[in-house]
Amino acid sequence: MLVRAVVQAYGDDDAEAKALLGRVQVTAAGTRVTAEGPERSDGSRRGGWSVSFRIWAPRQTALALSARNGGISLRGMHGESRFSTTNGGVTLDEVGGHVVGSTRNGGVNVRLGGSRWEGDGLDVETTNGGVSMAIPSGYSAELETGTVNGGFQTDLPLTVQGRLDRQVRATLGSGGPLIKVTTTNGGVRLTQR
């Protein structure tokens, strides 16, 4: 496994940014990687810092990810993945396995790959943000998606039970594990690729 951390700091001037940068600590202990630094309350009105992580791991690796002010992106992972973020979007690209996650303020973009979901299923939700899903032609899975406050668009050939409104549950192809992606405040868009 390879973890790359990129630490950035900004301030009223270069000296303040360098001082902030020196107070940010990235720690790796066992299988846990964290970042800590000063709170914003130390006088600067414009100063701050951030750490972005990029992780390369075997496809079957179990992941537990969390972020406070930033997005989470998974590409090609097929293990057990659990994640949450408060202010940031989520991107899932050709993932599989058992994937559970949420964001409070950010959109969710899912790009499915292959012909069916490989693994236990997908359960992702956002409170404030749109949902966009790209699904291959002929894909097999159970699909559940919807919104409370937002529009719904699809170009998929769907057979649904009930009204095609803001909540959809449909069998794609020959069915399979449940793919559930929902939002409370935001639109839902399903496209075929």
C-alpha atoms as a PDB file:
ATOM      1  CA  MET A   1       0.000   0.000   0.000  1.00  0.00           C
ATOM      2  CA  LEU A   2       1.245   3.500  -0.805  1.00  0.00           C
ATOM      3  CA  VAL A   3      -0.092   6.666   0.861  1.00  0.00           C
ATOM      4  CA  ARG A   4       0.839  10.109  -0.399  1.00  0.00           C
ATOM      5  CA  ALA A   5      -0.116  13.140   1.711  1.00  0.00           C
ATOM      6  CA  VAL A   6      -0.064  16.640   0.242  1.00  0.00           C
ATOM      7  CA  VAL A   7      -0.071  19.342   2.931  1.00  0.00           C
ATOM      8  CA  GLN A   8      -1.027  22.899   1.985  1.00  0.00           C
ATOM      9  CA  ALA A   9      -1.177  26.041   4.121  1.00  0.00           C
ATOM     10  CA  TYR A  10      -2.170  29.610   3.395  1.00  0.00           C
ATOM     11  CA  GLY A  11      -2.102  32.837   5.389  1.00  0.00           C
ATOM     12  CA  ASP A  12      -1.933  36.592   5.297  1.00  0.00           C
ATOM     13  CA  ASP A  13       1.677  36.286   4.057  1.00  0.00           C
ATOM     14  CA  ASP A  14       4.308  33.650   3.267  1.00  0.00           C
ATOM     15  CA  ALA A  15       5.683  33.662   6.812  1.00  0.00           C
ATOM     16  CA  GLU A  16       2.281  32.887   8.318  1.00  0.00           C
ATOM     17  CA  ALA A  17       1.660  30.103   5.789  1.00  0.00           C
ATOM     18  CA  LYS A  18       5.070  28.545   6.528  1.00  0.00           C
ATOM     19  CA  ALA A  19       4.427  28.758  10.268  1.00  0.00           C
ATOM     20  CA  LEU A  20       1.055  26.980   9.831  1.00  0.00           C
ATOM     21  CA  LEU A  21       2.659  24.366   7.601  1.00  0.00           C
ATOM     22  CA  GLY A  22       5.164  23.545  10.339  1.00  0.00           C
ATOM     23  CA  ARG A  23       2.330  22.861  12.810  1.00  0.00           C
ATOM     24  CA  VAL A  24       0.502  20.293  10.661  1.00  0.00           C
ATOM     25  CA  GLN A  25       1.265  16.700  11.626  1.00  0.00           C
ATOM     26  CA  VAL A  26       0.584  13.696   9.390  1.00  0.00           C
ATOM     27  CA  THR A  27       0.788  10.470  11.365  1.00  0.00           C
ATOM     28  CA  ALA A  28       0.839   6.891  10.081  1.00  0.00           C
ATOM     29  CA  ALA A  29       0.448   4.190  12.712  1.00  0.00           C
ATOM     30  CA  GLY A  30      -0.301   0.649  11.612  1.00  0.00           C
ATOM     31  CA  THR A  31      -3.188   0.876   9.145  1.00  0.00           C
ATOM     32  CA  ARG A  32      -4.364   4.335  10.246  1.00  0.00           C
ATOM     33  CA  VAL A  33      -3.286   7.634   8.656  1.00  0.00           C
ATOM     34  CA  THR A  34      -4.427  10.950  10.170  1.00  0.00           C
ATOM     35  CA  ALA A  35      -3.688  14.652   9.916  1.00  0.00           C
ATOM     36  CA  GLU A  36      -3.882  17.199  12.728  1.00  0.00           C
ATOM     37  CA  GLY A  37      -3.071  20.873  12.912  1.00  0.00           C
ATOM     38  CA  PRO A  38      -3.940  24.179  14.544  1.00  0.00           C
ATOM     39  CA  GLU A  39      -7.498  25.423  14.834  1.00  0.00           C
ATOM     40  CA  ARG A  40      -8.426  28.572  12.990  1.00  0.00           C
ATOM     41  CA  SER A  41      -8.776  30.562  16.241  1.00  0.00           C
ATOM     42  CA  ASP A  42      -5.118  31.603  16.491  1.00  0.00           C
ATOM     43  CA  GLY A  43      -5.569  35.157  15.195  1.00  0.00           C
ATOM     44  CA  SER A  44      -5.506  34.881  11.415  1.00  0.00           C
ATOM     45  CA  ARG A  45      -8.684  35.656   9.575  1.00  0.00           C
ATOM     46  CA  ARG A  46      -7.496  34.097   6.335  1.00  0.00           C
ATOM     47  CA  GLY A  47      -5.036  31.439   7.428  1.00  0.00           C
ATOM     48  CA  GLY A  48      -5.696  27.735   7.173  1.00  0.00           C
ATOM     49  CA  TRP A  49      -4.356  24.370   6.119  1.00  0.00           C
ATOM     50  CA  SER A  50      -5.454  21.190   4.397  1.00  0.00           C
ATOM     51  CA  VAL A  51      -4.155  17.705   3.760  1.00  0.00           C
ATOM     52  CA  SER A  52      -5.128  15.581   0.765  1.00  0.00           C
ATOM     53  CA  PHE A  53      -4.402  11.871   0.774  1.00  0.00           C
ATOM     54  CA  ARG A  54      -3.965   9.648  -2.240  1.00  0.00           C
ATOM     55  CA  ILE A  55      -3.925   5.943  -1.421  1.00  0.00           C
ATOM     56  CA  TRP A  56      -2.927   3.082  -3.716  1.00  0.00           C
ATOM     57  CA  ALA A  57      -4.000  -0.291  -2.357  1.00  0.00           C
ATOM     58  CA  PRO A  58      -4.833  -3.793  -3.603  1.00  0.00           C
ATOM     59  CA  ARG A  59      -8.371  -3.953  -5.015  1.00  0.00           C
ATOM     60  CA  GLN A  60      -9.689  -6.186  -2.208  1.00  0.00           C
ATOM     61  CA  THR A  61      -8.440  -3.943   0.634  1.00  0.00           C
ATOM     62  CA  ALA A  62     -10.980  -3.037   3.330  1.00  0.00           C
ATOM     63  CA  LEU A  63     -11.159   0.749   3.716  1.00  0.00           C
ATOM     64  CA  ALA A  64     -12.614   3.051   6.382  1.00  0.00           C
ATOM     65  CA  LEU A  65     -12.320   6.679   5.255  1.00  0.00           C
ATOM     66  CA  SER A  66     -13.539   9.940   6.766  1.00  0.00           C
ATOM     67  CA  ALA A  67     -13.107  13.604   5.894  1.00  0.00           C
ATOM     68  CA  ARG A  68     -14.411  16.817   7.432  1.00  0.00           C
ATOM     69  CA  ASN A  69     -13.979  19.278   4.589  1.00  0.00           C
ATOM     70  CA  GLY A  70     -13.130  17.381   1.464  1.00  0.00           C
ATOM     71  CA  GLY A  71     -14.318  14.803  -0.977  1.00  0.00           C
ATOM     72  CA  ILE A  72     -13.760  11.073  -1.151  1.00  0.00           C
ATOM     73  CA  SER A  73     -13.050   9.214  -4.370  1.00  0.00           C
ATOM     74  CA  LEU A  74     -12.720   5.445  -4.893  1.00  0.00           C
ATOM     75  CA  ARG A  75     -11.597   3.912  -8.166  1.00  0.00           C
ATOM     76  CA  GLY A  76     -11.519   0.186  -8.917  1.00  0.00           C
ATOM     77  CA  MET A  77     -11.830  -0.941  -5.269  1.00  0.00           C
ATOM     78  CA  HIS A  78     -13.701  -4.230  -4.691  1.00  0.00           C
ATOM     79  CA  GLY A  79     -13.318  -4.843  -0.963  1.00  0.00           C
ATOM     80  CA  GLU A  80     -15.349  -3.597   1.974  1.00  0.00           C
ATOM     81  CA  SER A  81     -15.382   0.204   1.910  1.00  0.00           C
ATOM     82  CA  ARG A  82     -16.976   2.465   4.494  1.00  0.00           C
ATOM     83  CA  PHE A  83     -16.698   6.235   4.273  1.00  0.00           C
ATOM     84  CA  SER A  84     -18.178   9.541   5.392  1.00  0.00           C
ATOM     85  CA  THR A  85     -17.516  13.192   4.728  1.00  0.00           C
ATOM     86  CA  THR A  86     -19.187  16.331   6.000  1.00  0.00           C
ATOM     87  CA  ASN A  87     -18.402  18.903   3.304  1.00  0.00           C
ATOM     88  CA  GLY A  88     -17.331  17.207   0.119  1.00  0.00           C
ATOM     89  CA  GLY A  89     -18.502  15.183  -2.806  1.00  0.00           C
ATOM     90  CA  VAL A  90     -18.169  11.454  -3.381  1.00  0.00           C
ATOM     91  CA  THR A  91     -16.972   9.804  -6.601  1.00  0.00           C
ATOM     92  CA  LEU A  92     -17.177   6.038  -7.070  1.00  0.00           C
ATOM     93  CA  ASP A  93     -15.683   4.734 -10.300  1.00  0.00           C
ATOM     94  CA  GLU A  94     -16.016   1.047 -11.230  1.00  0.00           C
ATOM     95  CA  VAL A  95     -16.115  -0.151  -7.621  1.00  0.00           C
ATOM     96  CA  GLY A  96     -17.560  -3.360  -6.198  1.00  0.00           C
ATOM     97  CA  GLY A  97     -17.701  -5.309  -2.961  1.00  0.00           C
ATOM     98  CA  HIS A  98     -19.603  -4.003   0.052  1.00  0.00           C
ATOM     99  CA  VAL A  99     -19.662  -0.193  -0.143  1.00  0.00           C
ATOM    100  CA  VAL A 100     -21.447   1.978   2.444  1.00  0.00           C
ATOM    101  CA  GLY A 101     -21.020   5.731   2.746  1.00  0.00           C
ATOM    102  CA  SER A 102     -22.463   9.186   3.181  1.00  0.00           C
ATOM    103  CA  THR A 103     -21.868  12.882   2.715  1.00  0.00           C
ATOM    104  CA  ARG A 104     -23.830  15.733   4.242  1.00  0.00           C
ATOM    105  CA  ASN A 105     -22.941  18.517   1.827  1.00  0.00           C
ATOM    106  CA  GLY A 106     -21.793  17.222  -1.517  1.00  0.00           C
ATOM    107  CA  GLY A 107     -22.898  15.397  -4.606  1.00  0.00           C
ATOM    108  CA  VAL A 108     -22.514  11.697  -5.327  1.00  0.00           C
ATOM    109  CA  ASN A 109     -21.195  10.531  -8.705  1.00  0.00           C
ATOM    110  CA  VAL A 110     -21.247   6.806  -9.448  1.00  0.00           C
ATOM    111  CA  ARG A 111     -19.867   5.230 -12.618  1.00  0.00           C
ATOM    112  CA  LEU A 112     -20.590   1.506 -12.693  1.00  0.00           C
ATOM    113  CA  GLY A 113     -18.429  -0.895 -14.679  1.00  0.00           C
ATOM    114  CA  GLY A 114     -18.759  -4.415 -16.014  1.00  0.00           C
ATOM    115  CA  SER A 115     -22.044  -6.221 -16.508  1.00  0.00           C
ATOM    116  CA  ARG A 116     -23.155  -6.612 -12.868  1.00  0.00           C
ATOM    117  CA  TRP A 117     -22.323  -5.566  -9.322  1.00  0.00           C
ATOM    118  CA  GLU A 118     -19.601  -7.839  -7.947  1.00  0.00           C
ATOM    119  CA  GLY A 119     -20.048  -8.141  -4.175  1.00  0.00           C
ATOM    120  CA  ASP A 120     -22.650  -7.447  -1.503  1.00  0.00           C
ATOM    121  CA  GLY A 121     -23.944  -4.093  -2.763  1.00  0.00           C
ATOM    122  CA  LEU A 122     -23.777  -0.325  -2.600  1.00  0.00           C
ATOM    123  CA  ASP A 123     -25.527   1.984  -0.111  1.00  0.00           C
ATOM    124  CA  VAL A 124     -24.597   5.670  -0.394  1.00  0.00           C
ATOM    125  CA  GLU A 125     -26.527   8.766   0.611  1.00  0.00           C
ATOM    126  CA  THR A 126     -26.146  12.530   0.574  1.00  0.00           C
ATOM    127  CA  THR A 127     -28.193  15.089   2.439  1.00  0.00           C
ATOM    128  CA  ASN A 128     -27.436  18.182   0.344  1.00  0.00           C
ATOM    129  CA  GLY A 129     -26.241  17.340  -3.129  1.00  0.00           C
ATOM    130  CA  GLY A 130     -27.243  15.739  -6.383  1.00  0.00           C
ATOM    131  CA  VAL A 131     -26.838  12.134  -7.457  1.00  0.00           C
ATOM    132  CA  SER A 132     -25.460  11.169 -10.856  1.00  0.00           C
ATOM    133  CA  MET A 133     -25.163   7.538 -11.927  1.00  0.00           C
ATOM    134  CA  ALA A 134     -23.740   6.198 -15.205  1.00  0.00           C
ATOM    135  CA  ILE A 135     -24.821   2.599 -15.779  1.00  0.00           C
ATOM    136  CA  PRO A 136     -23.545   0.341 -18.583  1.00  0.00           C
ATOM    137  CA  SER A 137     -26.048  -0.975 -21.092  1.00  0.00           C
ATOM    138  CA  GLY A 138     -27.221  -4.469 -20.073  1.00  0.00           C
ATOM    139  CA  TYR A 139     -26.110  -4.056 -16.435  1.00  0.00           C
ATOM    140  CA  SER A 140     -27.691  -6.429 -13.865  1.00  0.00           C
ATOM    141  CA  ALA A 141     -28.571  -5.318 -10.316  1.00  0.00           C
ATOM    142  CA  GLU A 142     -31.415  -4.148  -8.134  1.00  0.00           C
ATOM    143  CA  LEU A 143     -31.498  -0.346  -8.266  1.00  0.00           C
ATOM    144  CA  GLU A 144     -32.936   1.995  -5.660  1.00  0.00           C
ATOM    145  CA  THR A 145     -32.533   5.740  -5.927  1.00  0.00           C
ATOM    146  CA  GLY A 146     -34.466   8.870  -5.153  1.00  0.00           C
ATOM    147  CA  THR A 147     -34.731  12.362  -3.789  1.00  0.00           C
ATOM    148  CA  VAL A 148     -37.047  14.185  -1.412  1.00  0.00           C
ATOM    149  CA  ASN A 149     -36.463  17.711  -2.783  1.00  0.00           C
ATOM    150  CA  GLY A 150     -35.205  17.653  -6.352  1.00  0.00           C
ATOM    151  CA  GLY A 151     -35.862  16.563  -9.890  1.00  0.00           C
ATOM    152  CA  PHE A 152     -35.427  13.161 -11.476  1.00  0.00           C
ATOM    153  CA  GLN A 153     -34.015  12.446 -14.950  1.00  0.00           C
ATOM    154  CA  THR A 154     -33.226   9.155 -16.639  1.00  0.00           C
ATOM    155  CA  ASP A 155     -32.464   7.875 -20.098  1.00  0.00           C
ATOM    156  CA  LEU A 156     -32.419   4.232 -18.925  1.00  0.00           C
ATOM    157  CA  PRO A 157     -35.052   1.815 -20.194  1.00  0.00           C
ATOM    158  CA  LEU A 158     -36.597   1.106 -16.758  1.00  0.00           C
ATOM    159  CA  THR A 159     -39.505  -1.075 -15.708  1.00  0.00           C
ATOM    160  CA  VAL A 160     -40.573   0.282 -12.329  1.00  0.00           C
ATOM    161  CA  GLN A 161     -43.294  -0.551  -9.869  1.00  0.00           C
ATOM    162  CA  GLY A 162     -45.466   2.429  -8.962  1.00  0.00           C
ATOM    163  CA  ARG A 163     -44.968   5.964 -10.254  1.00  0.00           C
ATOM    164  CA  LEU A 164     -41.756   7.181 -11.849  1.00  0.00           C
ATOM    165  CA  ASP A 165     -41.455  10.181  -9.582  1.00  0.00           C
ATOM    166  CA  ARG A 166     -38.725  10.957  -7.113  1.00  0.00           C
ATOM    167  CA  GLN A 167     -38.186   7.422  -5.803  1.00  0.00           C
ATOM    168  CA  VAL A 168     -37.320   4.499  -8.059  1.00  0.00           C
ATOM    169  CA  ARG A 169     -36.828   0.830  -7.359  1.00  0.00           C
ATOM    170  CA  ALA A 170     -36.184  -1.288 -10.424  1.00  0.00           C
ATOM    171  CA  THR A 171     -34.597  -4.542 -11.512  1.00  0.00           C
ATOM    172  CA  LEU A 172     -31.865  -3.982 -14.055  1.00  0.00           C
ATOM    173  CA  GLY A 173     -31.178  -6.896 -16.398  1.00  0.00           C
ATOM    174  CA  SER A 174     -31.389 -10.176 -14.480  1.00  0.00           C
ATOM    175  CA  GLY A 175     -31.172  -8.444 -11.078  1.00  0.00           C
ATOM    176  CA  GLY A 176     -28.534  -8.913  -8.441  1.00  0.00           C
ATOM    177  CA  PRO A 177     -27.223  -7.111  -5.354  1.00  0.00           C
ATOM    178  CA  LEU A 178     -28.860  -3.840  -4.313  1.00  0.00           C
ATOM    179  CA  ILE A 179     -27.365  -0.585  -5.566  1.00  0.00           C
ATOM    180  CA  LYS A 180     -28.902   2.183  -3.461  1.00  0.00           C
ATOM    181  CA  VAL A 181     -27.911   5.827  -3.960  1.00  0.00           C
ATOM    182  CA  THR A 182     -30.202   8.530  -2.522  1.00  0.00           C
ATOM    183  CA  THR A 183     -30.332  12.229  -1.712  1.00  0.00           C
ATOM    184  CA  THR A 184     -32.564  14.411   0.403  1.00  0.00           C
ATOM    185  CA  ASN A 185     -31.950  17.804  -1.235  1.00  0.00           C
ATOM    186  CA  GLY A 186     -30.760  17.458  -4.808  1.00  0.00           C
ATOM    187  CA  GLY A 187     -31.614  16.035  -8.178  1.00  0.00           C
ATOM    188  CA  VAL A 188     -31.084  12.499  -9.438  1.00  0.00           C
ATOM    189  CA  ARG A 189     -29.775  11.757 -12.916  1.00  0.00           C
ATOM    190  CA  LEU A 190     -29.377   8.265 -14.369  1.00  0.00           C
ATOM    191  CA  THR A 191     -27.569   7.839 -17.671  1.00  0.00           C
ATOM    192  CA  GLN A 192     -26.717   4.810 -19.766  1.00  0.00           C
ATOM    193  CA  ARG A 193     -23.153   4.442 -20.966  1.00  0.00           C
END
